[in-house]
Amino acid sequence: METLPPTYPEADFVAYAFAHMGIAVAKREGRIFELANGFVVEVESKDLYRLSHEGWVISPFDDIEKLCTFIERNS
């Protein structure tokens, strides 16, 4: 079984989580993800993600599972 190294870029972890949860990414530029449903997620730091839609910040999230659940429910 393959495991992640002790340190890894947080944005790569987010990309993995989105793929695992079936959340489609339309475009990725480094730590910024434009999702197919119009949301934009910016990785600010470890366990801190900014979610926006059409330029409006919806909320900061500090839990990737809650972020993914919110995106799924509002797509």
Protein backbone atom coordinates (compact mmCIF):
# COMPACT_ATOMS: atom_id res chain seq x y z
CA MET A 1 0.00 0.00 0.00
CA GLU A 2 1.35 3.40 -1.02
CA THR A 3 1.39 6.14 1.60
CA LEU A 4 2.00 9.84 1.36
CA PRO A 5 5.40 11.08 2.50
CA PRO A 6 5.54 12.83 5.89
CA THR A 7 5.46 16.22 4.17
CA TYR A 8 3.60 16.99 0.96
CA PRO A 9 2.21 20.06 -0.71
CA GLU A 10 -1.22 20.88 0.69
CA ALA A 11 -2.56 21.65 -2.81
CA ASP A 12 -1.69 18.11 -3.94
CA PHE A 13 -3.61 16.77 -0.96
CA VAL A 14 -6.64 18.88 -1.98
CA ALA A 15 -6.38 17.57 -5.56
CA TYR A 16 -6.34 14.02 -4.18
CA ALA A 17 -9.37 14.73 -1.97
CA PHE A 18 -11.33 16.23 -4.87
CA ALA A 19 -10.55 13.22 -7.07
CA HIS A 20 -11.50 10.83 -4.27
CA MET A 21 -14.81 12.66 -3.67
CA GLY A 22 -15.62 12.92 -7.39
CA ILE A 23 -15.41 16.72 -7.49
CA ALA A 24 -14.49 17.82 -11.02
CA VAL A 25 -11.64 20.32 -11.34
CA ALA A 26 -11.90 22.45 -14.49
CA LYS A 27 -8.50 24.12 -14.01
CA ARG A 28 -5.70 24.16 -11.51
CA GLU A 29 -3.03 26.81 -11.19
CA GLY A 30 -0.76 25.90 -8.31
CA ARG A 31 -2.83 26.25 -5.16
CA ILE A 32 -5.96 27.60 -6.89
CA PHE A 33 -8.63 25.21 -8.14
CA GLU A 34 -11.42 26.29 -10.47
CA LEU A 35 -14.12 23.66 -10.16
CA ALA A 36 -16.51 22.59 -12.91
CA ASN A 37 -19.47 23.94 -10.91
CA GLY A 38 -18.15 27.52 -10.74
CA PHE A 39 -16.62 27.36 -7.27
CA VAL A 40 -13.01 28.40 -6.73
CA VAL A 41 -10.93 26.94 -3.91
CA GLU A 42 -7.69 28.56 -2.84
CA VAL A 43 -5.34 26.69 -0.53
CA GLU A 44 -4.17 29.32 1.94
CA SER A 45 -2.12 27.06 4.21
CA LYS A 46 -2.23 23.64 5.77
CA ASP A 47 -5.86 22.94 6.66
CA LEU A 48 -7.09 26.37 5.54
CA TYR A 49 -9.07 26.71 2.32
CA ARG A 50 -10.93 29.71 0.89
CA LEU A 51 -14.09 28.91 -1.06
CA SER A 52 -15.57 31.49 -3.41
CA HIS A 53 -18.11 31.72 -6.21
CA GLU A 54 -18.20 34.46 -8.85
CA GLY A 55 -15.67 36.48 -6.86
CA TRP A 56 -17.62 36.32 -3.59
CA VAL A 57 -15.92 34.61 -0.68
CA ILE A 58 -18.33 32.10 0.80
CA SER A 59 -16.35 30.88 3.73
CA PRO A 60 -12.97 29.77 4.92
CA PHE A 61 -12.83 26.06 5.72
CA ASP A 62 -10.35 24.32 7.99
CA ASP A 63 -11.56 20.79 7.26
CA ILE A 64 -11.23 19.26 3.79
CA GLU A 65 -14.11 16.83 4.35
CA LYS A 66 -16.50 19.66 5.31
CA LEU A 67 -15.33 21.65 2.30
CA CYS A 68 -15.99 18.74 -0.07
CA THR A 69 -19.38 18.07 1.50
CA PHE A 70 -20.38 21.73 1.12
CA ILE A 71 -19.31 21.73 -2.54
CA GLU A 72 -21.20 18.50 -3.24
CA ARG A 73 -24.41 19.75 -1.60
CA ASN A 74 -24.32 23.10 -3.40
CA SER A 75 -23.41 21.97 -6.90
